[in-house]
Amino acid sequence: MITKQLEYEVVENWGVLPDGWRWGQVGGVAVDSQDRVHVFTRTEHPLMVFDTDGNFLYSWGEGFFEDAHGIHIAPDDTIYLADRSPQVVMKFTHDGVLLFTMGNRNQPSDTGYTEETRKVLYAGPPFHHPTDIALSPQNEIYISDGYRNCRVHRFSPDGKLISSFGEPGGGPGEFVLVHSVWWHKDRLYVADRQNDRIQIFTPDGEHLDTWSGFAQPCKIYIDSEDIMYVAELGARVSVLDLQGNVLARWGGERSHEPGLFWGPHGIWTDSHGDLYVSEVLEGQRVQKFRRKR
């Protein structure tokens, strides 16, 4: 583990599943105000909830979700979930009551992408494989979109589209697989995964800065101490300040060993600063890292 100013230690074998259950491809992980750890995964039990010690509490969403991807928990513990291939993002109460849906179920938008070309040719409306969700303090909803689009969409608190920005490409304000979005102190941080970078925007989509040097960033989370956590599909986790300085970084070679990674895809912290990382590909697990300093 390469560290600069922060140190973490892995908590081995975190998370006890009920008999016969499996982690599967864990699209996302998020922690609510009660320090309950929500695991959003592509299995028969898509939304599993644990305490911080890894004890299973309950699950919901069975038979409803098809392609678990992004999760965001608001300060009031409402939950936003991106179901990728059905092309929808939904808002729920903390116990799974659906409040509203954004997107047209099973109707992907036109971006020029086809199974034959497998390339986004132009920007489209919501959604074509949405990936992640962020909230502003005014409860405006930002959604990254995604695998087969190249946009960030901004919605009103009740789910009405306000605006969109982004185009395909490698320049400022352009994306190749926009995979995560996070709103923090009047800045919008966007994981531009296949360009190996994070781009920073105003809430209206004006490009401010670009941070390079990431290994396929999948998920951005920023805590109340202004610390950024980045899950990188290239088997790495990075912890940074908001000037882009690395505070901690480890991984980089795929491994099933505790404390290393195969496919980091989701990341979040609890009230103690302990870190949870969910994995896809052959990783298929959630790891907890205890903050030492």
C-alpha atoms as a PDB file:
ATOM      1  CA  MET A   1       0.000   0.000   0.000  1.00  0.00           C
ATOM      2  CA  ILE A   2       1.612   3.267  -1.139  1.00  0.00           C
ATOM      3  CA  THR A   3       0.680   6.040   1.257  1.00  0.00           C
ATOM      4  CA  LYS A   4       1.327   9.743   1.452  1.00  0.00           C
ATOM      5  CA  GLN A   5      -0.654  11.218   4.345  1.00  0.00           C
ATOM      6  CA  LEU A   6      -3.418   8.701   5.055  1.00  0.00           C
ATOM      7  CA  GLU A   7      -3.079   5.031   5.962  1.00  0.00           C
ATOM      8  CA  TYR A   8      -5.552   2.161   5.769  1.00  0.00           C
ATOM      9  CA  GLU A   9      -5.564  -1.497   6.729  1.00  0.00           C
ATOM     10  CA  VAL A  10      -7.775  -4.145   5.191  1.00  0.00           C
ATOM     11  CA  VAL A  11     -10.451  -5.800   7.341  1.00  0.00           C
ATOM     12  CA  GLU A  12     -10.254  -9.351   6.038  1.00  0.00           C
ATOM     13  CA  ASN A  13     -13.409 -11.338   5.299  1.00  0.00           C
ATOM     14  CA  TRP A  14     -15.725  -8.385   5.844  1.00  0.00           C
ATOM     15  CA  GLY A  15     -19.383  -9.138   5.129  1.00  0.00           C
ATOM     16  CA  VAL A  16     -21.188 -12.347   6.061  1.00  0.00           C
ATOM     17  CA  LEU A  17     -23.676 -13.462   3.422  1.00  0.00           C
ATOM     18  CA  PRO A  18     -26.681 -15.677   4.160  1.00  0.00           C
ATOM     19  CA  ASP A  19     -26.174 -19.317   3.194  1.00  0.00           C
ATOM     20  CA  GLY A  20     -26.285 -19.834  -0.563  1.00  0.00           C
ATOM     21  CA  TRP A  21     -25.998 -16.119  -1.414  1.00  0.00           C
ATOM     22  CA  ARG A  22     -23.131 -14.625  -3.422  1.00  0.00           C
ATOM     23  CA  TRP A  23     -21.578 -11.216  -3.942  1.00  0.00           C
ATOM     24  CA  GLY A  24     -21.655 -11.316  -7.760  1.00  0.00           C
ATOM     25  CA  GLN A  25     -20.707  -8.289  -9.836  1.00  0.00           C
ATOM     26  CA  VAL A  26     -20.989  -5.547  -7.216  1.00  0.00           C
ATOM     27  CA  GLY A  27     -21.852  -2.409  -9.170  1.00  0.00           C
ATOM     28  CA  GLY A  28     -21.849  -0.037  -6.210  1.00  0.00           C
ATOM     29  CA  VAL A  29     -21.631   0.442  -2.466  1.00  0.00           C
ATOM     30  CA  ALA A  30     -22.930   3.337  -0.335  1.00  0.00           C
ATOM     31  CA  VAL A  31     -23.328   4.093   3.372  1.00  0.00           C
ATOM     32  CA  ASP A  32     -26.361   5.836   4.880  1.00  0.00           C
ATOM     33  CA  SER A  33     -26.664   8.190   7.863  1.00  0.00           C
ATOM     34  CA  GLN A  34     -26.988   5.224  10.243  1.00  0.00           C
ATOM     35  CA  ASP A  35     -23.748   3.654   8.925  1.00  0.00           C
ATOM     36  CA  ARG A  36     -25.664   0.902   7.168  1.00  0.00           C
ATOM     37  CA  VAL A  37     -23.664  -0.342   4.192  1.00  0.00           C
ATOM     38  CA  HIS A  38     -25.768  -0.797   1.041  1.00  0.00           C
ATOM     39  CA  VAL A  39     -24.411  -3.171  -1.589  1.00  0.00           C
ATOM     40  CA  PHE A  40     -25.926  -2.947  -5.087  1.00  0.00           C
ATOM     41  CA  THR A  41     -25.108  -6.101  -7.006  1.00  0.00           C
ATOM     42  CA  ARG A  42     -26.081  -8.142 -10.058  1.00  0.00           C
ATOM     43  CA  THR A  43     -27.439 -11.186  -8.260  1.00  0.00           C
ATOM     44  CA  GLU A  44     -30.776 -12.623  -7.176  1.00  0.00           C
ATOM     45  CA  HIS A  45     -30.576 -10.281  -4.156  1.00  0.00           C
ATOM     46  CA  PRO A  46     -29.626  -6.950  -5.717  1.00  0.00           C
ATOM     47  CA  LEU A  47     -29.748  -4.598  -2.713  1.00  0.00           C
ATOM     48  CA  MET A  48     -28.116  -6.077   0.397  1.00  0.00           C
ATOM     49  CA  VAL A  49     -27.643  -4.089   3.606  1.00  0.00           C
ATOM     50  CA  PHE A  50     -25.024  -4.709   6.318  1.00  0.00           C
ATOM     51  CA  ASP A  51     -23.826  -3.025   9.484  1.00  0.00           C
ATOM     52  CA  THR A  52     -20.244  -1.726   9.618  1.00  0.00           C
ATOM     53  CA  ASP A  53     -19.041  -5.010  11.163  1.00  0.00           C
ATOM     54  CA  GLY A  54     -20.319  -6.878   8.111  1.00  0.00           C
ATOM     55  CA  ASN A  55     -23.397  -8.451   9.685  1.00  0.00           C
ATOM     56  CA  PHE A  56     -26.212  -8.923   7.172  1.00  0.00           C
ATOM     57  CA  LEU A  57     -29.318  -6.904   8.035  1.00  0.00           C
ATOM     58  CA  TYR A  58     -31.822  -7.222   5.174  1.00  0.00           C
ATOM     59  CA  SER A  59     -32.255  -7.079   1.391  1.00  0.00           C
ATOM     60  CA  TRP A  60     -34.753  -5.822  -1.157  1.00  0.00           C
ATOM     61  CA  GLY A  61     -35.221  -5.468  -4.916  1.00  0.00           C
ATOM     62  CA  GLU A  62     -35.493  -9.173  -5.698  1.00  0.00           C
ATOM     63  CA  GLY A  63     -37.017  -9.726  -9.142  1.00  0.00           C
ATOM     64  CA  PHE A  64     -36.985  -6.016  -9.938  1.00  0.00           C
ATOM     65  CA  PHE A  65     -33.483  -4.882 -10.900  1.00  0.00           C
ATOM     66  CA  GLU A  66     -31.820  -6.269 -13.998  1.00  0.00           C
ATOM     67  CA  ASP A  67     -28.368  -4.672 -14.238  1.00  0.00           C
ATOM     68  CA  ALA A  68     -27.270  -3.044 -10.965  1.00  0.00           C
ATOM     69  CA  HIS A  69     -24.773  -0.255 -11.578  1.00  0.00           C
ATOM     70  CA  GLY A  70     -24.715   3.057  -9.658  1.00  0.00           C
ATOM     71  CA  ILE A  71     -26.001   3.918  -6.186  1.00  0.00           C
ATOM     72  CA  HIS A  72     -26.271   7.220  -4.333  1.00  0.00           C
ATOM     73  CA  ILE A  73     -27.703   7.741  -0.841  1.00  0.00           C
ATOM     74  CA  ALA A  74     -28.950  11.223  -0.001  1.00  0.00           C
ATOM     75  CA  PRO A  75     -28.578  12.860   3.448  1.00  0.00           C
ATOM     76  CA  ASP A  76     -32.216  11.954   4.196  1.00  0.00           C
ATOM     77  CA  ASP A  77     -31.402   8.298   3.329  1.00  0.00           C
ATOM     78  CA  THR A  78     -33.451   8.197   0.152  1.00  0.00           C
ATOM     79  CA  ILE A  79     -31.670   6.025  -2.400  1.00  0.00           C
ATOM     80  CA  TYR A  80     -31.003   6.613  -6.101  1.00  0.00           C
ATOM     81  CA  LEU A  81     -30.202   3.564  -8.223  1.00  0.00           C
ATOM     82  CA  ALA A  82     -29.083   3.253 -11.845  1.00  0.00           C
ATOM     83  CA  ASP A  83     -30.344   0.092 -13.543  1.00  0.00           C
ATOM     84  CA  ARG A  84     -28.049   0.186 -16.550  1.00  0.00           C
ATOM     85  CA  SER A  85     -29.415  -1.950 -19.396  1.00  0.00           C
ATOM     86  CA  PRO A  86     -33.108  -1.094 -18.713  1.00  0.00           C
ATOM     87  CA  GLN A  87     -32.038   2.581 -19.215  1.00  0.00           C
ATOM     88  CA  VAL A  88     -33.565   3.925 -16.011  1.00  0.00           C
ATOM     89  CA  VAL A  89     -32.546   5.698 -12.807  1.00  0.00           C
ATOM     90  CA  MET A  90     -34.939   5.490  -9.864  1.00  0.00           C
ATOM     91  CA  LYS A  91     -35.456   7.170  -6.505  1.00  0.00           C
ATOM     92  CA  PHE A  92     -36.552   5.032  -3.539  1.00  0.00           C
ATOM     93  CA  THR A  93     -37.264   5.426   0.143  1.00  0.00           C
ATOM     94  CA  HIS A  94     -34.621   3.830   2.361  1.00  0.00           C
ATOM     95  CA  ASP A  95     -36.722   0.666   2.615  1.00  0.00           C
ATOM     96  CA  GLY A  96     -37.354   0.263  -1.108  1.00  0.00           C
ATOM     97  CA  VAL A  97     -40.567   2.117  -1.960  1.00  0.00           C
ATOM     98  CA  LEU A  98     -40.263   3.530  -5.489  1.00  0.00           C
ATOM     99  CA  LEU A  99     -40.832   7.308  -5.600  1.00  0.00           C
ATOM    100  CA  PHE A 100     -40.189   8.066  -9.286  1.00  0.00           C
ATOM    101  CA  THR A 101     -38.300   6.916 -12.362  1.00  0.00           C
ATOM    102  CA  MET A 102     -36.152   8.845 -14.828  1.00  0.00           C
ATOM    103  CA  GLY A 103     -35.662   7.518 -18.347  1.00  0.00           C
ATOM    104  CA  ASN A 104     -37.749   5.374 -20.633  1.00  0.00           C
ATOM    105  CA  ARG A 105     -37.515   1.749 -19.627  1.00  0.00           C
ATOM    106  CA  ASN A 106     -35.950  -0.470 -22.302  1.00  0.00           C
ATOM    107  CA  GLN A 107     -35.814   2.447 -24.752  1.00  0.00           C
ATOM    108  CA  PRO A 108     -32.171   3.486 -25.220  1.00  0.00           C
ATOM    109  CA  SER A 109     -31.584   6.925 -26.701  1.00  0.00           C
ATOM    110  CA  ASP A 110     -30.024   7.385 -30.121  1.00  0.00           C
ATOM    111  CA  THR A 111     -26.282   8.080 -29.943  1.00  0.00           C
ATOM    112  CA  GLY A 112     -25.263   6.302 -33.133  1.00  0.00           C
ATOM    113  CA  TYR A 113     -24.097   3.336 -31.074  1.00  0.00           C
ATOM    114  CA  THR A 114     -24.927  -0.087 -32.517  1.00  0.00           C
ATOM    115  CA  GLU A 115     -23.756  -3.583 -31.678  1.00  0.00           C
ATOM    116  CA  GLU A 116     -21.916  -3.553 -34.988  1.00  0.00           C
ATOM    117  CA  THR A 117     -20.060  -0.232 -34.603  1.00  0.00           C
ATOM    118  CA  ARG A 118     -19.873  -0.203 -30.761  1.00  0.00           C
ATOM    119  CA  LYS A 119     -19.004   3.490 -30.757  1.00  0.00           C
ATOM    120  CA  VAL A 120     -20.812   6.631 -29.609  1.00  0.00           C
ATOM    121  CA  LEU A 121     -21.039   8.876 -32.681  1.00  0.00           C
ATOM    122  CA  TYR A 122     -22.952  11.793 -31.160  1.00  0.00           C
ATOM    123  CA  ALA A 123     -24.496  12.895 -27.867  1.00  0.00           C
ATOM    124  CA  GLY A 124     -28.019  11.806 -27.086  1.00  0.00           C
ATOM    125  CA  PRO A 125     -30.784  12.451 -24.536  1.00  0.00           C
ATOM    126  CA  PRO A 126     -31.305  10.290 -21.407  1.00  0.00           C
ATOM    127  CA  PHE A 127     -30.399   7.417 -21.345  1.00  0.00           C
ATOM    128  CA  HIS A 128     -28.150   4.938 -23.077  1.00  0.00           C
ATOM    129  CA  HIS A 129     -26.653   2.838 -20.282  1.00  0.00           C
ATOM    130  CA  PRO A 130     -26.597   5.292 -17.331  1.00  0.00           C
ATOM    131  CA  THR A 131     -23.877   4.767 -14.756  1.00  0.00           C
ATOM    132  CA  ASP A 132     -24.001   6.968 -11.639  1.00  0.00           C
ATOM    133  CA  ILE A 133     -25.913   9.632  -9.687  1.00  0.00           C
ATOM    134  CA  ALA A 134     -24.989  12.718  -7.640  1.00  0.00           C
ATOM    135  CA  LEU A 135     -27.038  15.331  -5.769  1.00  0.00           C
ATOM    136  CA  SER A 136     -26.566  19.036  -5.206  1.00  0.00           C
ATOM    137  CA  PRO A 137     -27.555  20.620  -1.860  1.00  0.00           C
ATOM    138  CA  GLN A 138     -30.732  21.788  -3.640  1.00  0.00           C
ATOM    139  CA  ASN A 139     -31.445  18.131  -4.504  1.00  0.00           C
ATOM    140  CA  GLU A 140     -30.872  18.610  -8.201  1.00  0.00           C
ATOM    141  CA  ILE A 141     -29.912  15.258  -9.673  1.00  0.00           C
ATOM    142  CA  TYR A 142     -26.855  14.748 -11.897  1.00  0.00           C
ATOM    143  CA  ILE A 143     -26.574  11.489 -13.829  1.00  0.00           C
ATOM    144  CA  SER A 144     -23.607  10.212 -15.830  1.00  0.00           C
ATOM    145  CA  ASP A 145     -24.650   8.487 -19.059  1.00  0.00           C
ATOM    146  CA  GLY A 146     -22.572   6.370 -19.752  1.00  0.00           C
ATOM    147  CA  TYR A 147     -21.458   3.292 -21.623  1.00  0.00           C
ATOM    148  CA  ARG A 148     -23.280   4.154 -24.840  1.00  0.00           C
ATOM    149  CA  ASN A 149     -23.683   7.896 -24.450  1.00  0.00           C
ATOM    150  CA  CYS A 150     -21.258  10.702 -23.555  1.00  0.00           C
ATOM    151  CA  ARG A 151     -23.295  13.057 -21.401  1.00  0.00           C
ATOM    152  CA  VAL A 152     -24.035  14.305 -17.928  1.00  0.00           C
ATOM    153  CA  HIS A 153     -27.726  15.096 -17.416  1.00  0.00           C
ATOM    154  CA  ARG A 154     -29.136  17.495 -14.837  1.00  0.00           C
ATOM    155  CA  PHE A 155     -32.614  16.902 -13.420  1.00  0.00           C
ATOM    156  CA  SER A 156     -34.879  18.809 -11.053  1.00  0.00           C
ATOM    157  CA  PRO A 157     -35.528  17.305  -7.592  1.00  0.00           C
ATOM    158  CA  ASP A 158     -38.725  15.712  -8.921  1.00  0.00           C
ATOM    159  CA  GLY A 159     -36.968  14.103 -11.883  1.00  0.00           C
ATOM    160  CA  LYS A 160     -37.553  16.543 -14.757  1.00  0.00           C
ATOM    161  CA  LEU A 161     -34.706  17.051 -17.214  1.00  0.00           C
ATOM    162  CA  ILE A 162     -33.117  20.530 -16.981  1.00  0.00           C
ATOM    163  CA  SER A 163     -30.037  20.311 -19.208  1.00  0.00           C
ATOM    164  CA  SER A 164     -27.255  18.070 -20.512  1.00  0.00           C
ATOM    165  CA  PHE A 165     -23.626  18.501 -21.498  1.00  0.00           C
ATOM    166  CA  GLY A 166     -20.836  16.454 -23.053  1.00  0.00           C
ATOM    167  CA  GLU A 167     -19.737  15.192 -26.445  1.00  0.00           C
ATOM    168  CA  PRO A 168     -17.742  12.134 -27.572  1.00  0.00           C
ATOM    169  CA  GLY A 169     -13.986  12.589 -27.702  1.00  0.00           C
ATOM    170  CA  GLY A 170     -10.853  13.353 -25.752  1.00  0.00           C
ATOM    171  CA  GLY A 171     -10.926  17.140 -25.425  1.00  0.00           C
ATOM    172  CA  PRO A 172     -12.188  19.306 -22.548  1.00  0.00           C
ATOM    173  CA  GLY A 173     -15.860  18.586 -21.925  1.00  0.00           C
ATOM    174  CA  GLU A 174     -15.705  15.429 -24.025  1.00  0.00           C
ATOM    175  CA  PHE A 175     -16.021  11.884 -22.726  1.00  0.00           C
ATOM    176  CA  VAL A 176     -15.283   8.292 -23.579  1.00  0.00           C
ATOM    177  CA  LEU A 177     -17.410   6.265 -21.178  1.00  0.00           C
ATOM    178  CA  VAL A 178     -18.506   8.784 -18.585  1.00  0.00           C
ATOM    179  CA  HIS A 179     -18.772   6.530 -15.540  1.00  0.00           C
ATOM    180  CA  SER A 180     -19.308   8.570 -12.365  1.00  0.00           C
ATOM    181  CA  VAL A 181     -20.339  12.010 -11.193  1.00  0.00           C
ATOM    182  CA  TRP A 182     -20.075  13.765  -7.811  1.00  0.00           C
ATOM    183  CA  TRP A 183     -21.261  17.245  -6.756  1.00  0.00           C
ATOM    184  CA  HIS A 184     -19.178  19.013  -4.091  1.00  0.00           C
ATOM    185  CA  LYS A 185     -18.961  22.697  -3.150  1.00  0.00           C
ATOM    186  CA  ASP A 186     -20.177  24.103  -6.469  1.00  0.00           C
ATOM    187  CA  ARG A 187     -17.999  21.741  -8.479  1.00  0.00           C
ATOM    188  CA  LEU A 188     -19.016  18.721 -10.499  1.00  0.00           C
ATOM    189  CA  TYR A 189     -16.403  15.965 -10.666  1.00  0.00           C
ATOM    190  CA  VAL A 190     -16.819  13.511 -13.541  1.00  0.00           C
ATOM    191  CA  ALA A 191     -14.990  10.203 -14.085  1.00  0.00           C
ATOM    192  CA  ASP A 192     -14.084  10.039 -17.790  1.00  0.00           C
ATOM    193  CA  ARG A 193     -13.153   6.376 -17.574  1.00  0.00           C
ATOM    194  CA  GLN A 194     -11.695   5.415 -20.925  1.00  0.00           C
ATOM    195  CA  ASN A 195      -9.779   8.695 -21.133  1.00  0.00           C
ATOM    196  CA  ASP A 196      -8.171   7.788 -17.760  1.00  0.00           C
ATOM    197  CA  ARG A 197      -9.019  11.139 -16.216  1.00  0.00           C
ATOM    198  CA  ILE A 198     -11.346  13.149 -14.008  1.00  0.00           C
ATOM    199  CA  GLN A 199     -12.844  16.351 -15.392  1.00  0.00           C
ATOM    200  CA  ILE A 200     -14.156  19.175 -13.219  1.00  0.00           C
ATOM    201  CA  PHE A 201     -17.087  21.423 -14.181  1.00  0.00           C
ATOM    202  CA  THR A 202     -19.329  24.127 -12.818  1.00  0.00           C
ATOM    203  CA  PRO A 203     -22.882  22.987 -11.989  1.00  0.00           C
ATOM    204  CA  ASP A 204     -23.910  24.342 -15.406  1.00  0.00           C
ATOM    205  CA  GLY A 205     -21.365  22.183 -17.251  1.00  0.00           C
ATOM    206  CA  GLU A 206     -18.590  24.712 -17.878  1.00  0.00           C
ATOM    207  CA  HIS A 207     -15.238  22.924 -17.967  1.00  0.00           C
ATOM    208  CA  LEU A 208     -12.798  24.067 -15.268  1.00  0.00           C
ATOM    209  CA  ASP A 209      -9.982  21.535 -15.052  1.00  0.00           C
ATOM    210  CA  THR A 210      -8.785  18.051 -15.963  1.00  0.00           C
ATOM    211  CA  TRP A 211      -6.842  15.631 -13.748  1.00  0.00           C
ATOM    212  CA  SER A 212      -5.027  12.891 -15.627  1.00  0.00           C
ATOM    213  CA  GLY A 213      -3.067   9.866 -14.448  1.00  0.00           C
ATOM    214  CA  PHE A 214      -5.916   7.587 -13.395  1.00  0.00           C
ATOM    215  CA  ALA A 215      -6.357   3.935 -14.367  1.00  0.00           C
ATOM    216  CA  GLN A 216      -9.938   3.810 -15.697  1.00  0.00           C
ATOM    217  CA  PRO A 217     -11.677   5.744 -12.896  1.00  0.00           C
ATOM    218  CA  CYS A 218     -15.051   4.169 -12.175  1.00  0.00           C
ATOM    219  CA  LYS A 219     -16.412   5.895  -9.085  1.00  0.00           C
ATOM    220  CA  ILE A 220     -15.789   9.225  -7.342  1.00  0.00           C
ATOM    221  CA  TYR A 221     -16.821   9.868  -3.738  1.00  0.00           C
ATOM    222  CA  ILE A 222     -15.962  13.002  -1.728  1.00  0.00           C
ATOM    223  CA  ASP A 223     -16.486  13.111   2.024  1.00  0.00           C
ATOM    224  CA  SER A 224     -17.224  15.991   4.406  1.00  0.00           C
ATOM    225  CA  GLU A 225     -13.495  16.489   5.030  1.00  0.00           C
ATOM    226  CA  ASP A 226     -12.911  17.340   1.340  1.00  0.00           C
ATOM    227  CA  ILE A 227     -11.180  14.023   0.704  1.00  0.00           C
ATOM    228  CA  MET A 228     -11.783  12.378  -2.671  1.00  0.00           C
ATOM    229  CA  TYR A 229     -11.842   8.609  -3.095  1.00  0.00           C
ATOM    230  CA  VAL A 230     -11.556   7.065  -6.552  1.00  0.00           C
ATOM    231  CA  ALA A 231     -12.195   3.422  -7.461  1.00  0.00           C
ATOM    232  CA  GLU A 232     -10.192   2.617 -10.590  1.00  0.00           C
ATOM    233  CA  LEU A 233     -10.979  -0.416 -12.746  1.00  0.00           C
ATOM    234  CA  GLY A 234      -7.251  -0.811 -13.310  1.00  0.00           C
ATOM    235  CA  ALA A 235      -7.069  -2.608  -9.942  1.00  0.00           C
ATOM    236  CA  ARG A 236      -6.291   0.529  -7.942  1.00  0.00           C
ATOM    237  CA  VAL A 237      -7.749   2.914  -5.362  1.00  0.00           C
ATOM    238  CA  SER A 238      -6.630   6.540  -5.037  1.00  0.00           C
ATOM    239  CA  VAL A 239      -7.325   8.994  -2.218  1.00  0.00           C
ATOM    240  CA  LEU A 240      -6.728  12.674  -3.003  1.00  0.00           C
ATOM    241  CA  ASP A 241      -7.303  16.174  -1.717  1.00  0.00           C
ATOM    242  CA  LEU A 242      -9.279  18.650  -3.811  1.00  0.00           C
ATOM    243  CA  GLN A 243      -6.104  20.087  -5.320  1.00  0.00           C
ATOM    244  CA  GLY A 244      -5.441  16.688  -6.871  1.00  0.00           C
ATOM    245  CA  ASN A 245      -2.617  15.717  -4.497  1.00  0.00           C
ATOM    246  CA  VAL A 246      -2.436  11.973  -3.772  1.00  0.00           C
ATOM    247  CA  LEU A 247      -2.914  11.203  -0.081  1.00  0.00           C
ATOM    248  CA  ALA A 248      -2.958   7.413  -0.469  1.00  0.00           C
ATOM    249  CA  ARG A 249      -2.832   4.999  -3.405  1.00  0.00           C
ATOM    250  CA  TRP A 250      -2.557   1.244  -3.587  1.00  0.00           C
ATOM    251  CA  GLY A 251      -3.116  -1.657  -5.959  1.00  0.00           C
ATOM    252  CA  GLY A 252      -2.327  -1.570  -9.662  1.00  0.00           C
ATOM    253  CA  GLU A 253      -1.936  -5.272 -10.440  1.00  0.00           C
ATOM    254  CA  ARG A 254      -4.979  -7.501 -10.409  1.00  0.00           C
ATOM    255  CA  SER A 255      -5.126  -9.816  -7.433  1.00  0.00           C
ATOM    256  CA  HIS A 256      -7.618 -11.689  -5.292  1.00  0.00           C
ATOM    257  CA  GLU A 257      -5.453 -11.162  -2.216  1.00  0.00           C
ATOM    258  CA  PRO A 258      -7.100  -9.257   0.660  1.00  0.00           C
ATOM    259  CA  GLY A 259      -6.241  -5.586   0.419  1.00  0.00           C
ATOM    260  CA  LEU A 260      -5.552  -5.702  -3.313  1.00  0.00           C
ATOM    261  CA  PHE A 261      -8.034  -5.550  -6.175  1.00  0.00           C
ATOM    262  CA  TRP A 262      -9.257  -7.110  -9.392  1.00  0.00           C
ATOM    263  CA  GLY A 263     -11.889  -4.636 -10.552  1.00  0.00           C
ATOM    264  CA  PRO A 264     -12.753  -1.713  -8.232  1.00  0.00           C
ATOM    265  CA  HIS A 265     -16.085  -0.226  -9.319  1.00  0.00           C
ATOM    266  CA  GLY A 266     -17.693   1.431  -6.268  1.00  0.00           C
ATOM    267  CA  ILE A 267     -16.371   3.306  -3.254  1.00  0.00           C
ATOM    268  CA  TRP A 268     -17.769   5.087  -0.148  1.00  0.00           C
ATOM    269  CA  THR A 269     -16.835   5.800   3.479  1.00  0.00           C
ATOM    270  CA  ASP A 270     -18.666   5.556   6.775  1.00  0.00           C
ATOM    271  CA  SER A 271     -18.761   8.075   9.628  1.00  0.00           C
ATOM    272  CA  HIS A 272     -15.446   6.753  10.994  1.00  0.00           C
ATOM    273  CA  GLY A 273     -13.605   7.351   7.730  1.00  0.00           C
ATOM    274  CA  ASP A 274     -13.426   3.618   7.016  1.00  0.00           C
ATOM    275  CA  LEU A 275     -13.522   2.777   3.337  1.00  0.00           C
ATOM    276  CA  TYR A 276     -15.648   0.281   1.387  1.00  0.00           C
ATOM    277  CA  VAL A 277     -14.690  -0.830  -2.131  1.00  0.00           C
ATOM    278  CA  SER A 278     -16.925  -2.942  -4.366  1.00  0.00           C
ATOM    279  CA  GLU A 279     -15.549  -4.971  -7.252  1.00  0.00           C
ATOM    280  CA  VAL A 280     -16.687  -6.335 -10.612  1.00  0.00           C
ATOM    281  CA  LEU A 281     -15.026  -8.546 -13.252  1.00  0.00           C
ATOM    282  CA  GLU A 282     -13.389 -11.430 -11.356  1.00  0.00           C
ATOM    283  CA  GLY A 283     -13.262  -9.410  -8.124  1.00  0.00           C
ATOM    284  CA  GLN A 284     -16.902  -9.921  -7.096  1.00  0.00           C
ATOM    285  CA  ARG A 285     -16.612  -8.808  -3.483  1.00  0.00           C
ATOM    286  CA  VAL A 286     -16.756  -5.863  -1.108  1.00  0.00           C
ATOM    287  CA  GLN A 287     -13.643  -4.996   0.881  1.00  0.00           C
ATOM    288  CA  LYS A 288     -13.453  -2.795   3.954  1.00  0.00           C
ATOM    289  CA  PHE A 289     -10.400  -0.728   4.820  1.00  0.00           C
ATOM    290  CA  ARG A 290     -10.035   0.713   8.296  1.00  0.00           C
ATOM    291  CA  ARG A 291      -8.540   4.195   8.396  1.00  0.00           C
ATOM    292  CA  LYS A 292      -5.466   4.194  10.648  1.00  0.00           C
ATOM    293  CA  ARG A 293      -4.600   7.904  10.411  1.00  0.00           C
END
